[in-house]
Structures are given as structure tokens and as C-alpha cells.
């Protein structure tokens, strides 16, 4: 039920206080041409009805605070409450970006230190915290690639960005947005980049390669140093998509692998609640030769004055990419998370994430009910396939995912990456207990058995949600994103007349 279907004419949750200033005619305040000709069609409810409506909606939402959230490639891990407490401190939460720098020295110091920590963690020489989101960081990374080649007089000739066939969809999208031609390099039989194909694809037109390591299949690119050598040998740059950084924290560094540009999702790896469009932060790190091209401003420390300041961009910079400097609340949470764990704790994060993923993969592999396209150990996530269920009963990975909801679990990522048919992509993260992983494994096993014994129950799933199967094609092609109150009023009046009749 929408909020427009609740309430009745004349009900109010709030009334404005009595006017305590001289009244002015409406014509003096709002000219007739700008005034609505008809009544404003808003719902009319009491305060209690408003509270119950939104509380009811909140109970239908899934969240990591409610249960297991195994969305592959999303790192939906628990966010420690200490992060929220620190971010809510008045000195952090009540400042404004227009304040003079001398009044926000604490905030600037936090950003400066966070830059240093992230540089150490990634093996980069400098970090910018400016990007507002992961995809925004990706786009900045491509702008840096452009600026580098422009400075070398090669911008017009180097027009190709290579991406793996298993890449996140934002990689080719960001490259295309930056004006590059996207060239796809296929995976080999082990799920890594086909090095020989890469060697064939690179050349004078290559601007760079965008790569995730571990990749989107949850597998480590074992030939990463050779890949870096091939790209650099052709005059290109190597860009690191940090979506899967959770798997290697404190264990290895992109800079040591040969990457020139590193993108980090602070809201994933470094523990800020995310989803539904935000909040996010897509910090970018670069090697020394790319520092001049970073956007401004950047936080720097002036040893002479002992003050922190926002340093304007230099003459080679790609320029400002955001009105203000990044999303500060996300930075506070990331800083708190890093300081709370320290080097040893961050490494334990990666080790536990990899352990949990391999344990869950081993349990499902042992059941023999799902297809595993790659035989080697995974990193922080893994991909299995519902191809067998499709062949035997016509069920798709989406059908199995919907049935999982009835078992009380949020489904894993479905039908991605595209290189695996009927993919189910699971990322348990480091914050889940063995009992949770066992319960999720048993649910996946039970659903696979149902697919054999009673496929119709899966075709009609979910059975426990307010709505069941939707026409997904129609919803995507003809979305209805608003509600006309007049329709609700007509229906309500019609119902009252029927009751009276």
C-alpha cells in the first residue's frame, strides 16, 4: 500500500504555528503565473499513520544489520559502530567546506593522514580523496591516463583501453565516457587474463589496461607481473580497479604488482554503509610520474607554519572534479577503521575474507549440485553456476536466487560476470561466522535439491514477500515511478460508496 492510499481528507500530522509577523497578500509573494491552478495532491494522514507507514517500509528492507548479505563484488560487510560514533563527533559532523582552513585543521589533518595510510596500503606515491564514488574514481583514472599521454604528445594516437571480458561493467563504461575505444581481452581456461591474447592486442594505440586483481571471478591474476610488463612495454598504463581490494589488504600491494593508478572504494573495503546510491568515495592513488596530473585541491602539510591546507591544482592537473573535496563522512569512517585495526588487523581482514569464501565454496562444491567453472582456490569471492538446473528443469540462476529469499537469505549476485552462464557470485566477507556460512550453504543446497524434486515451487518463488513474481521485462521497459493521488481518491470514494450501498 502506498502512502497515498492511507489516511483520509482533513487529517494532519503537523500544523504550522500562528503567524507572528505581518501577513502579506499572496499576490505579493507569488505571482499568479507561478501559482498552481488546482489543489496540491498530497496524502492527508495523521502523525501515527505516517510513522506506521515508514516503519512498515523499513521492516521490509534488507540490510547487513538484519542478515547475511553475500552480494558478490559488493563487499557488504558489517560496519563497526565505532565508525559511526567518530563520524558523528561535532568537530567532524558540524563543519562546513566554506570555513577558513585554520578553523578545520583537525579535519584536514585526518584527510592528510588518510592519504598517507592509503598510499602505504596500495604502494602508491600519492592519493586524492576527491572522487565522490567508485565510478567517479574510475572516470578520474581515465582522465589521468589521458593527461599523461597528452603530456607526451600521444593523446591522439593512444585511443584504446583494454578491459578483460570478466570486468565490472563500469570499466568499459568509464572508458567509453572518457572517449576511448574499448578493446576486450578474453579469459584463459583458468579464469585469468589470456596473456598471449593481451600480447597480440597491445600496440601503439594502447592507452592502458583496466584490471581487477583478484579479478571479478574471485581469482588472483598469477601472471600479473608479466601483464604489467606487456602493457608498459607497449607504452600504456596499468589501472587497478580496487573493487576487490578486500582480498589483499596487508598481504600484497597493487603498486608492487606494477599498477600505475589505483582506485579504492572506501565505502566497501574500509567500511562505510553503502548501497542505494551512496554514500561513496572513490579515492585514486598514483605513482610518482602521475602526481602532476592529479585534480585539485589536495591536502598538504606546511612544515614551516605547522598547518594543513588545501593545495590548488598545478598547471598539468586535470582540474577540479567535484565542487567540494570528496565525501568527508566516508573519510572519517575509513580513517577510524584503519586506525582501529592497524597493519596486523587489516591483514587479518583479508585472510578471514579469503578463508570464508573458500570454506563456502568447498561446502557447495562437495554437494555436487552446482557447476564450478574454475577448479582453483578463490580469493574473497567465488562464482558457481546454475547451468545444470537450467539444463535439467529450465530454471535460471534468477529463479534459484528468488527462492533463497524464502529461506531468509539475501541472494548472491546473479548472472554476473557474463563469462559464466547462469552465474551465482558469492562474497561472504570477513565479518560472518561459520554458523552463518553453514546456514547459507544448506539453503543453497536445499534449493538445488528442490530444483530436481519440485521445480514449480521455485518458479513461483518468493512466497514470503509482500509481492511475488513481477513482470521484470515490463517493469524495465515501462516503469511507473509516480503515483497519481486522484486515482487513489477515486478508488477510495468508490469503496466508500460500495460500503454504503
Protein backbone atom coordinates (compact mmCIF):
# COMPACT_ATOMS: atom_id res chain seq x y z
CA UNK A 1 0.00 0.00 0.00
CA UNK A 2 1.38 3.40 -0.95
CA UNK A 3 1.15 6.39 1.36
CA UNK A 4 -1.45 7.91 -0.98
CA UNK A 5 -3.80 5.04 -0.21
CA UNK A 6 -3.69 5.71 3.51
CA UNK A 7 -5.44 8.38 5.55
CA UNK A 8 -8.49 10.47 4.77
CA UNK A 9 -9.28 14.10 3.79
CA UNK A 10 -8.66 16.56 6.60
CA UNK A 11 -6.14 14.53 8.58
CA UNK A 12 -2.94 16.32 9.57
CA UNK A 13 0.35 15.24 11.15
CA UNK A 14 1.61 18.79 11.65
CA UNK A 15 0.19 22.30 11.66
CA UNK A 16 2.16 25.48 11.25
CA UNK A 17 2.23 27.81 14.27
CA UNK A 18 0.21 31.00 14.35
CA UNK A 19 1.80 33.67 12.15
CA UNK A 20 3.84 36.06 14.31
CA UNK A 21 4.82 38.53 11.56
CA UNK A 22 2.63 40.85 9.47
CA UNK A 23 0.69 38.94 6.82
CA UNK A 24 1.21 39.77 3.15
CA UNK A 25 -1.20 39.11 0.27
CA UNK A 26 -0.32 36.01 -1.71
CA UNK A 27 -0.04 38.06 -4.92
CA UNK A 28 2.90 39.96 -3.41
CA UNK A 29 4.70 36.76 -2.51
CA UNK A 30 4.00 34.55 -5.51
CA UNK A 31 2.92 35.96 -8.89
CA UNK A 32 -0.23 34.36 -10.34
CA UNK A 33 1.68 32.84 -13.28
CA UNK A 34 3.79 30.81 -10.85
CA UNK A 35 0.89 29.55 -8.73
CA UNK A 36 -0.74 26.15 -9.03
CA UNK A 37 -4.23 26.34 -10.50
CA UNK A 38 -5.57 23.24 -8.82
CA UNK A 39 -5.19 21.73 -5.35
CA UNK A 40 -1.87 20.15 -4.36
CA UNK A 41 -2.46 16.41 -4.46
CA UNK A 42 -0.69 15.27 -1.31
CA UNK A 43 -1.67 12.46 1.07
CA UNK A 44 -3.51 13.51 4.22
CA UNK A 45 -2.51 11.45 7.24
CA UNK A 46 -2.15 11.68 10.98
CA UNK A 47 1.28 11.52 12.57
CA UNK A 48 0.64 7.95 13.71
CA UNK A 49 -0.26 6.86 10.19
CA UNK A 50 2.91 8.45 8.80
CA UNK A 51 5.07 6.74 11.43
CA UNK A 52 3.46 3.35 10.86
CA UNK A 53 3.78 3.63 7.10
CA UNK A 54 7.51 4.34 7.06
CA UNK A 55 8.24 1.93 9.89
CA UNK A 56 6.45 -0.78 7.92
CA UNK A 57 8.56 0.03 4.86
CA UNK A 58 11.76 -0.08 6.91
CA UNK A 59 10.88 -3.59 8.12
CA UNK A 60 10.73 -4.76 4.51
CA UNK A 61 14.26 -3.55 3.76
CA UNK A 62 17.18 -5.94 3.86
CA UNK A 63 20.40 -4.76 5.49
CA UNK A 64 23.61 -6.23 6.82
CA UNK A 65 22.30 -5.42 10.30
CA UNK A 66 19.36 -7.75 9.59
CA UNK A 67 21.11 -10.71 7.99
CA UNK A 68 23.72 -12.17 5.67
CA UNK A 69 24.40 -10.10 2.55
CA UNK A 70 26.51 -12.26 0.16
CA UNK A 71 26.37 -9.99 -2.90
CA UNK A 72 29.44 -10.85 -4.92
CA UNK A 73 31.72 -7.95 -5.87
CA UNK A 74 29.96 -5.64 -3.39
CA UNK A 75 31.75 -6.38 -0.07
CA UNK A 76 28.62 -5.89 2.02
CA UNK A 77 30.39 -6.38 5.32
CA UNK A 78 29.38 -5.22 8.77
CA UNK A 79 30.25 -1.63 9.56
CA UNK A 80 31.55 -1.21 13.14
CA UNK A 81 29.51 1.26 15.17
CA UNK A 82 32.66 2.96 16.40
CA UNK A 83 33.00 4.36 12.86
CA UNK A 84 29.58 5.97 13.15
CA UNK A 85 30.33 7.37 16.60
CA UNK A 86 33.52 9.05 15.41
CA UNK A 87 31.90 10.40 12.24
CA UNK A 88 29.16 11.93 14.40
CA UNK A 89 31.57 13.90 16.64
CA UNK A 90 30.61 17.60 16.43
CA UNK A 91 34.08 18.62 15.25
CA UNK A 92 33.58 16.39 12.19
CA UNK A 93 29.83 16.45 11.59
CA UNK A 94 29.17 20.17 12.10
CA UNK A 95 31.84 21.73 9.90
CA UNK A 96 31.28 23.34 6.52
CA UNK A 97 33.53 23.30 3.43
CA UNK A 98 33.42 27.11 3.21
CA UNK A 99 35.02 27.52 6.65
CA UNK A 100 38.52 29.07 6.72
CA UNK A 101 41.26 26.43 6.73
CA UNK A 102 42.53 27.50 10.16
CA UNK A 103 39.15 26.52 11.69
CA UNK A 104 39.15 22.96 10.27
CA UNK A 105 42.72 21.87 10.95
CA UNK A 106 41.55 18.63 12.58
CA UNK A 107 39.54 17.61 9.51
CA UNK A 108 42.41 18.47 7.18
CA UNK A 109 44.85 16.53 9.33
CA UNK A 110 42.57 13.48 9.21
CA UNK A 111 42.40 13.67 5.41
CA UNK A 112 46.15 14.12 5.15
CA UNK A 113 46.83 11.10 7.36
CA UNK A 114 44.27 9.02 5.48
CA UNK A 115 46.06 9.87 2.23
CA UNK A 116 49.33 8.62 3.77
CA UNK A 117 47.74 5.39 5.04
CA UNK A 118 46.11 4.61 1.70
CA UNK A 119 49.34 5.32 -0.14
CA UNK A 120 51.14 2.82 2.10
CA UNK A 121 48.39 0.21 1.78
CA UNK A 122 48.33 0.41 -2.02
CA UNK A 123 52.00 1.05 -2.74
CA UNK A 124 51.25 4.37 -4.43
CA UNK A 125 53.14 7.65 -4.08
CA UNK A 126 50.15 9.99 -3.74
CA UNK A 127 46.39 9.81 -3.12
CA UNK A 128 43.48 12.08 -3.93
CA UNK A 129 40.30 11.73 -1.90
CA UNK A 130 38.25 13.95 -4.20
CA UNK A 131 36.14 11.41 -6.18
CA UNK A 132 32.58 11.13 -4.92
CA UNK A 133 32.07 7.45 -5.79
CA UNK A 134 33.72 4.38 -7.23
CA UNK A 135 32.68 5.04 -10.83
CA UNK A 136 33.68 8.70 -10.37
CA UNK A 137 37.12 7.49 -9.34
CA UNK A 138 37.28 5.25 -12.40
CA UNK A 139 36.49 8.19 -14.65
CA UNK A 140 39.19 10.25 -12.96
CA UNK A 141 41.63 7.40 -13.53
CA UNK A 142 40.89 7.53 -17.25
CA UNK A 143 41.32 11.31 -17.25
CA UNK A 144 44.76 10.80 -15.69
CA UNK A 145 45.63 8.32 -18.43
CA UNK A 146 44.59 10.92 -21.00
CA UNK A 147 46.57 13.69 -19.32
CA UNK A 148 49.69 11.52 -19.17
CA UNK A 149 49.57 10.67 -22.88
CA UNK A 150 48.66 14.26 -23.78
CA UNK A 151 51.74 15.48 -21.95
CA UNK A 152 53.81 13.04 -24.01
CA UNK A 153 52.17 14.16 -27.26
CA UNK A 154 50.45 10.80 -27.77
CA UNK A 155 46.86 11.59 -26.85
CA UNK A 156 45.55 11.30 -30.42
CA UNK A 157 47.32 8.06 -31.20
CA UNK A 158 46.59 6.20 -27.98
CA UNK A 159 42.82 5.77 -28.18
CA UNK A 160 42.29 2.23 -26.87
CA UNK A 161 41.61 0.95 -23.36
CA UNK A 162 41.82 -2.80 -22.86
CA UNK A 163 39.45 -4.49 -20.39
CA UNK A 164 39.06 -8.19 -19.52
CA UNK A 165 35.87 -9.97 -20.56
CA UNK A 166 35.15 -10.55 -16.85
CA UNK A 167 35.47 -6.87 -15.92
CA UNK A 168 32.97 -4.85 -13.91
CA UNK A 169 30.56 -3.12 -16.26
CA UNK A 170 31.70 0.27 -15.04
CA UNK A 171 35.17 -0.31 -16.53
CA UNK A 172 34.17 -0.23 -20.21
CA UNK A 173 31.52 2.40 -19.40
CA UNK A 174 34.10 4.72 -17.82
CA UNK A 175 36.49 4.17 -20.72
CA UNK A 176 33.78 4.97 -23.26
CA UNK A 177 32.72 8.05 -21.29
CA UNK A 178 36.31 9.26 -21.45
CA UNK A 179 36.21 8.89 -25.22
CA UNK A 180 38.24 5.70 -25.57
CA UNK A 181 37.67 2.72 -27.81
CA UNK A 182 37.15 -0.35 -25.60
CA UNK A 183 39.08 -3.50 -26.56
CA UNK A 184 38.18 -6.74 -24.76
CA UNK A 185 40.83 -9.30 -23.83
CA UNK A 186 39.41 -12.81 -23.18
CA UNK A 187 39.98 -15.01 -20.15
CA UNK A 188 42.03 -18.18 -20.31
CA UNK A 189 40.84 -21.59 -19.12
CA UNK A 190 41.96 -20.79 -15.56
CA UNK A 191 39.86 -17.61 -15.38
CA UNK A 192 42.74 -15.15 -15.71
CA UNK A 193 43.74 -12.78 -18.49
CA UNK A 194 44.84 -14.63 -21.62
CA UNK A 195 48.39 -13.28 -21.73
CA UNK A 196 49.05 -14.30 -25.32
CA UNK A 197 45.88 -12.56 -26.48
CA UNK A 198 46.89 -9.49 -24.49
CA UNK A 199 50.27 -9.51 -26.16
CA UNK A 200 48.52 -9.57 -29.53
CA UNK A 201 46.12 -6.72 -28.65
CA UNK A 202 48.54 -4.15 -27.25
CA UNK A 203 50.34 -1.74 -29.50
CA UNK A 204 50.87 1.95 -30.36
CA UNK A 205 47.14 2.64 -29.90
CA UNK A 206 47.06 1.23 -26.36
CA UNK A 207 46.45 3.87 -23.69
CA UNK A 208 46.08 1.42 -20.84
CA UNK A 209 44.62 -1.73 -19.32
CA UNK A 210 41.95 -1.69 -16.62
CA UNK A 211 42.26 -4.70 -14.35
CA UNK A 212 40.94 -6.00 -11.04
CA UNK A 213 43.19 -8.31 -9.02
CA UNK A 214 41.80 -10.57 -7.76
CA UNK A 215 39.54 -10.39 -10.77
CA UNK A 216 35.76 -10.42 -10.91
CA UNK A 217 35.72 -14.21 -10.88
CA UNK A 218 37.37 -14.05 -7.47
CA UNK A 219 40.65 -15.41 -8.87
CA UNK A 220 44.13 -13.95 -8.47
CA UNK A 221 45.90 -12.97 -11.68
CA UNK A 222 49.01 -15.11 -11.20
CA UNK A 223 50.74 -13.60 -14.23
CA UNK A 224 50.24 -10.01 -13.11
CA UNK A 225 53.91 -9.04 -13.36
CA UNK A 226 54.01 -10.34 -16.95
CA UNK A 227 50.79 -8.47 -17.72
CA UNK A 228 52.30 -5.25 -16.35
CA UNK A 229 55.43 -5.79 -18.40
CA UNK A 230 53.41 -6.25 -21.61
CA UNK A 231 51.33 -3.10 -21.06
CA UNK A 232 54.28 -0.94 -20.04
CA UNK A 233 56.36 -2.31 -22.89
CA UNK A 234 53.72 -1.03 -25.29
CA UNK A 235 53.78 2.43 -23.66
CA UNK A 236 50.44 2.01 -21.84
CA UNK A 237 49.44 2.48 -18.21
CA UNK A 238 48.04 -0.14 -15.86
CA UNK A 239 44.89 0.83 -13.94
CA UNK A 240 43.78 -1.06 -10.82
CA UNK A 241 40.08 -1.36 -10.09
CA UNK A 242 40.03 -1.65 -6.31
CA UNK A 243 36.62 -3.28 -6.04
CA UNK A 244 38.27 -6.45 -4.72
CA UNK A 245 40.90 -4.84 -2.50
CA UNK A 246 39.30 -6.54 0.50
CA UNK A 247 41.07 -9.74 -0.54
CA UNK A 248 44.64 -8.44 -0.38
CA UNK A 249 44.76 -5.86 2.44
CA UNK A 250 48.15 -6.09 4.13
CA UNK A 251 49.12 -9.11 2.03
CA UNK A 252 50.21 -7.54 -1.26
CA UNK A 253 50.02 -4.13 -2.89
CA UNK A 254 48.91 -3.06 -6.39
CA UNK A 255 51.92 -0.77 -6.64
CA UNK A 256 54.24 -3.72 -6.17
CA UNK A 257 52.39 -5.60 -8.91
CA UNK A 258 53.17 -2.83 -11.42
CA UNK A 259 49.99 -0.75 -11.38
CA UNK A 260 50.27 2.96 -12.14
CA UNK A 261 46.82 4.09 -10.99
CA UNK A 262 44.83 2.56 -8.14
CA UNK A 263 41.17 3.17 -7.41
CA UNK A 264 39.73 2.37 -3.98
CA UNK A 265 36.14 2.09 -2.84
CA UNK A 266 36.42 3.47 0.68
CA UNK A 267 32.76 2.63 1.23
CA UNK A 268 33.45 -1.07 0.55
CA UNK A 269 36.92 -2.04 1.69
CA UNK A 270 37.14 0.46 4.50
CA UNK A 271 33.72 0.01 6.00
CA UNK A 272 31.06 2.62 5.34
CA UNK A 273 27.42 1.55 4.97
CA UNK A 274 26.66 1.59 1.27
CA UNK A 275 24.02 0.71 -1.27
CA UNK A 276 21.05 2.54 -2.73
CA UNK A 277 23.25 5.13 -4.40
CA UNK A 278 25.53 6.17 -1.56
CA UNK A 279 27.36 7.31 0.36
CA UNK A 280 30.53 6.52 -1.53
CA UNK A 281 34.12 7.55 -2.08
CA UNK A 282 36.45 6.50 -4.88
CA UNK A 283 39.93 7.56 -3.82
CA UNK A 284 42.62 7.39 -6.51
CA UNK A 285 46.30 6.67 -5.96
CA UNK A 286 49.08 7.21 -8.49
CA UNK A 287 52.77 6.58 -8.98
CA UNK A 288 55.21 9.48 -8.85
CA UNK A 289 55.17 10.27 -12.58
CA UNK A 290 51.39 10.86 -12.49
CA UNK A 291 51.28 13.17 -9.44
CA UNK A 292 51.35 16.39 -11.52
CA UNK A 293 48.10 15.38 -13.23
CA UNK A 294 46.04 14.82 -10.06
CA UNK A 295 42.97 17.04 -9.57
CA UNK A 296 42.99 19.85 -7.07
CA UNK A 297 42.84 20.71 -4.38
CA UNK A 298 44.86 18.16 -2.40
CA UNK A 299 45.51 18.23 1.33
CA UNK A 300 49.15 19.01 2.16
CA UNK A 301 51.12 19.80 5.30
CA UNK A 302 53.13 23.00 5.51
CA UNK A 303 56.07 22.22 7.80
CA UNK A 304 57.02 25.90 8.06
CA UNK A 305 53.70 27.03 9.53
CA UNK A 306 52.75 23.68 11.05
CA UNK A 307 49.36 23.95 9.29
CA UNK A 308 47.41 21.75 6.92
CA UNK A 309 46.00 23.33 3.78
CA UNK A 310 44.22 22.57 0.54
CA UNK A 311 46.81 22.96 -2.19
CA UNK A 312 45.43 24.20 -5.56
CA UNK A 313 45.97 22.14 -8.68
CA UNK A 314 49.14 22.60 -10.71
CA UNK A 315 49.39 23.54 -14.40
CA UNK A 316 49.29 19.90 -15.62
CA UNK A 317 46.31 18.92 -13.45
CA UNK A 318 43.11 17.53 -14.94
CA UNK A 319 41.36 20.21 -12.86
CA UNK A 320 38.70 20.12 -10.19
CA UNK A 321 36.33 17.15 -10.43
CA UNK A 322 33.97 17.97 -7.56
CA UNK A 323 32.56 21.15 -6.06
CA UNK A 324 33.96 20.33 -2.63
CA UNK A 325 36.67 17.92 -1.55
CA UNK A 326 35.21 14.41 -1.51
CA UNK A 327 32.77 12.91 0.98
CA UNK A 328 34.22 13.73 4.35
CA UNK A 329 31.99 11.43 6.43
CA UNK A 330 33.20 8.43 4.44
CA UNK A 331 36.80 9.54 5.03
CA UNK A 332 36.26 9.69 8.80
CA UNK A 333 34.84 6.17 8.84
CA UNK A 334 37.70 4.82 6.71
CA UNK A 335 40.30 6.54 8.91
CA UNK A 336 38.69 5.13 12.06
CA UNK A 337 38.57 1.64 10.55
CA UNK A 338 42.26 1.71 9.58
CA UNK A 339 43.39 3.09 12.95
CA UNK A 340 41.24 0.62 14.84
CA UNK A 341 42.68 -2.41 13.02
CA UNK A 342 46.24 -1.35 12.28
CA UNK A 343 48.52 -3.25 9.87
CA UNK A 344 48.00 -6.63 11.54
CA UNK A 345 44.25 -6.23 11.72
CA UNK A 346 43.94 -5.21 8.07
CA UNK A 347 45.85 -8.30 7.02
CA UNK A 348 43.54 -10.42 9.17
CA UNK A 349 40.57 -8.86 7.35
CA UNK A 350 41.89 -10.19 4.03
CA UNK A 351 42.84 -13.57 5.46
CA UNK A 352 39.41 -14.08 7.03
CA UNK A 353 37.60 -12.93 3.88
CA UNK A 354 39.57 -15.40 1.75
CA UNK A 355 39.09 -18.19 4.29
CA UNK A 356 35.33 -17.64 4.46
CA UNK A 357 34.96 -17.64 0.68
CA UNK A 358 36.99 -20.82 0.25
CA UNK A 359 35.08 -22.57 3.03
CA UNK A 360 31.73 -21.72 1.48
CA UNK A 361 32.97 -22.71 -1.97
CA UNK A 362 34.26 -26.03 -0.66
CA UNK A 363 30.92 -26.84 1.00
CA UNK A 364 28.97 -26.16 -2.18
CA UNK A 365 31.48 -27.93 -4.38
CA UNK A 366 31.25 -31.03 -2.17
CA UNK A 367 27.47 -31.15 -2.64
CA UNK A 368 27.92 -31.79 -6.36
CA UNK A 369 24.79 -29.78 -7.11
CA UNK A 370 26.34 -26.69 -8.69
CA UNK A 371 28.80 -26.30 -11.56
CA UNK A 372 32.15 -24.67 -10.76
CA UNK A 373 33.76 -23.38 -13.95
CA UNK A 374 37.23 -23.00 -12.41
CA UNK A 375 38.98 -25.58 -10.28
CA UNK A 376 41.44 -23.45 -8.34
CA UNK A 377 41.07 -21.78 -4.98
CA UNK A 378 39.26 -18.50 -4.90
CA UNK A 379 40.14 -15.31 -3.09
CA UNK A 380 37.46 -13.26 -1.29
CA UNK A 381 34.58 -14.40 -3.53
CA UNK A 382 33.72 -17.18 -5.95
CA UNK A 383 31.42 -17.87 -8.88
CA UNK A 384 29.41 -21.04 -9.32
CA UNK A 385 26.79 -21.79 -11.95
CA UNK A 386 23.16 -22.94 -12.07
CA UNK A 387 23.74 -24.25 -15.60
CA UNK A 388 22.83 -27.78 -14.52
CA UNK A 389 19.48 -26.62 -13.12
CA UNK A 390 18.73 -24.79 -16.37
CA UNK A 391 19.53 -27.88 -18.44
CA UNK A 392 17.53 -30.25 -16.23
CA UNK A 393 14.43 -28.21 -15.40
CA UNK A 394 14.65 -24.93 -17.27
CA UNK A 395 15.29 -22.95 -14.08
CA UNK A 396 17.60 -19.95 -14.23
CA UNK A 397 20.02 -18.58 -11.66
CA UNK A 398 17.46 -15.83 -11.02
CA UNK A 399 14.84 -18.42 -10.08
CA UNK A 400 17.12 -20.02 -7.51
CA UNK A 401 18.03 -16.62 -6.12
CA UNK A 402 14.37 -15.73 -5.62
CA UNK A 403 13.78 -18.99 -3.78
CA UNK A 404 16.67 -18.21 -1.43
CA UNK A 405 14.62 -15.28 -0.13
CA UNK A 406 12.11 -17.75 1.29
CA UNK A 407 14.94 -19.31 3.29
CA UNK A 408 15.72 -15.95 4.88
CA UNK A 409 18.82 -15.05 2.86
CA UNK A 410 19.59 -12.19 0.53
CA UNK A 411 20.53 -13.72 -2.84
CA UNK A 412 24.08 -13.54 -4.18
CA UNK A 413 24.86 -11.54 -7.31
CA UNK A 414 23.09 -13.19 -10.24
CA UNK A 415 24.07 -13.56 -13.92
CA UNK A 416 27.42 -11.78 -13.43
CA UNK A 417 30.16 -11.95 -14.50
CA UNK A 418 28.87 -12.54 -18.01
CA UNK A 419 31.60 -15.04 -18.89
CA UNK A 420 29.88 -17.65 -16.69
CA UNK A 421 26.48 -18.98 -17.74
CA UNK A 422 23.81 -18.72 -15.02
CA UNK A 423 26.36 -17.27 -12.63
CA UNK A 424 25.85 -17.11 -8.86
CA UNK A 425 28.54 -14.89 -7.36
CA UNK A 426 29.04 -15.08 -3.58
CA UNK A 427 31.16 -12.85 -1.34
CA UNK A 428 30.74 -13.77 2.35
CA UNK A 429 33.23 -11.11 3.64
CA UNK A 430 35.32 -11.47 6.78
CA UNK A 431 32.61 -10.47 9.25
CA UNK A 432 30.43 -13.59 9.03
CA UNK A 433 30.62 -16.52 11.45
CA UNK A 434 30.94 -20.16 10.41
CA UNK A 435 27.36 -20.83 11.51
CA UNK A 436 26.08 -18.21 9.06
CA UNK A 437 28.11 -19.69 6.22
CA UNK A 438 26.84 -23.18 7.04
CA UNK A 439 23.25 -21.97 7.08
CA UNK A 440 23.64 -20.24 3.74
CA UNK A 441 25.31 -23.32 2.22
CA UNK A 442 22.48 -25.53 3.44
CA UNK A 443 19.92 -23.15 1.93
CA UNK A 444 21.68 -23.20 -1.46
CA UNK A 445 21.88 -27.00 -1.31
CA UNK A 446 18.18 -27.26 -0.39
CA UNK A 447 17.20 -25.01 -3.29
CA UNK A 448 19.25 -27.10 -5.72
CA UNK A 449 17.50 -30.25 -4.48
CA UNK A 450 14.12 -28.60 -4.87
CA UNK A 451 15.05 -27.79 -8.45
CA UNK A 452 15.20 -31.53 -9.08
CA UNK A 453 12.27 -32.66 -6.97
CA UNK A 454 9.79 -29.79 -7.10
CA UNK A 455 10.83 -27.14 -9.64
CA UNK A 456 7.42 -25.45 -9.62
CA UNK A 457 7.92 -24.21 -6.07
CA UNK A 458 10.99 -22.37 -7.33
CA UNK A 459 9.29 -21.00 -10.42
CA UNK A 460 6.68 -19.33 -8.20
CA UNK A 461 9.12 -18.07 -5.56
CA UNK A 462 9.45 -15.99 -3.50
CA UNK A 463 6.44 -16.97 -1.37
CA UNK A 464 7.23 -14.94 1.75
CA UNK A 465 7.46 -11.39 0.36
CA UNK A 466 4.73 -8.72 0.01
CA UNK A 467 4.79 -9.30 -3.75
CA UNK A 468 5.95 -12.40 -5.56
CA UNK A 469 6.92 -12.69 -9.22
CA UNK A 470 6.93 -9.41 -11.10
CA UNK A 471 6.97 -8.86 -14.84
CA UNK A 472 10.60 -7.78 -14.89
CA UNK A 473 10.71 -7.05 -18.63
CA UNK A 474 7.65 -4.80 -18.40
CA UNK A 475 8.97 -3.12 -15.27
CA UNK A 476 12.21 -2.25 -17.05
CA UNK A 477 10.62 -1.12 -20.29
CA UNK A 478 7.63 0.73 -18.85
CA UNK A 479 8.48 1.76 -15.29
CA UNK A 480 5.81 3.54 -13.28
CA UNK A 481 7.70 5.85 -10.95
CA UNK A 482 4.94 8.08 -9.62
CA UNK A 483 1.50 7.77 -8.08
CA UNK A 484 -1.44 9.88 -9.12
CA UNK A 485 -3.36 10.72 -5.98
CA UNK A 486 -6.51 11.45 -7.96
CA UNK A 487 -6.65 7.77 -8.83
CA UNK A 488 -6.31 6.87 -5.17
CA UNK A 489 -9.05 9.32 -4.18
CA UNK A 490 -11.39 7.96 -6.83
CA UNK A 491 -10.77 4.41 -5.70
CA UNK A 492 -11.26 5.37 -2.06
CA UNK A 493 -14.55 7.15 -2.77
CA UNK A 494 -15.70 4.23 -4.88
CA UNK A 495 -15.02 1.89 -1.99
CA UNK A 496 -16.98 4.06 0.42
CA UNK A 497 -19.95 4.19 -1.96
CA UNK A 498 -19.91 0.42 -2.25
CA UNK A 499 -19.89 0.11 1.55
CA UNK A 500 -22.84 2.50 1.84
CA UNK A 501 -24.69 0.72 -0.95
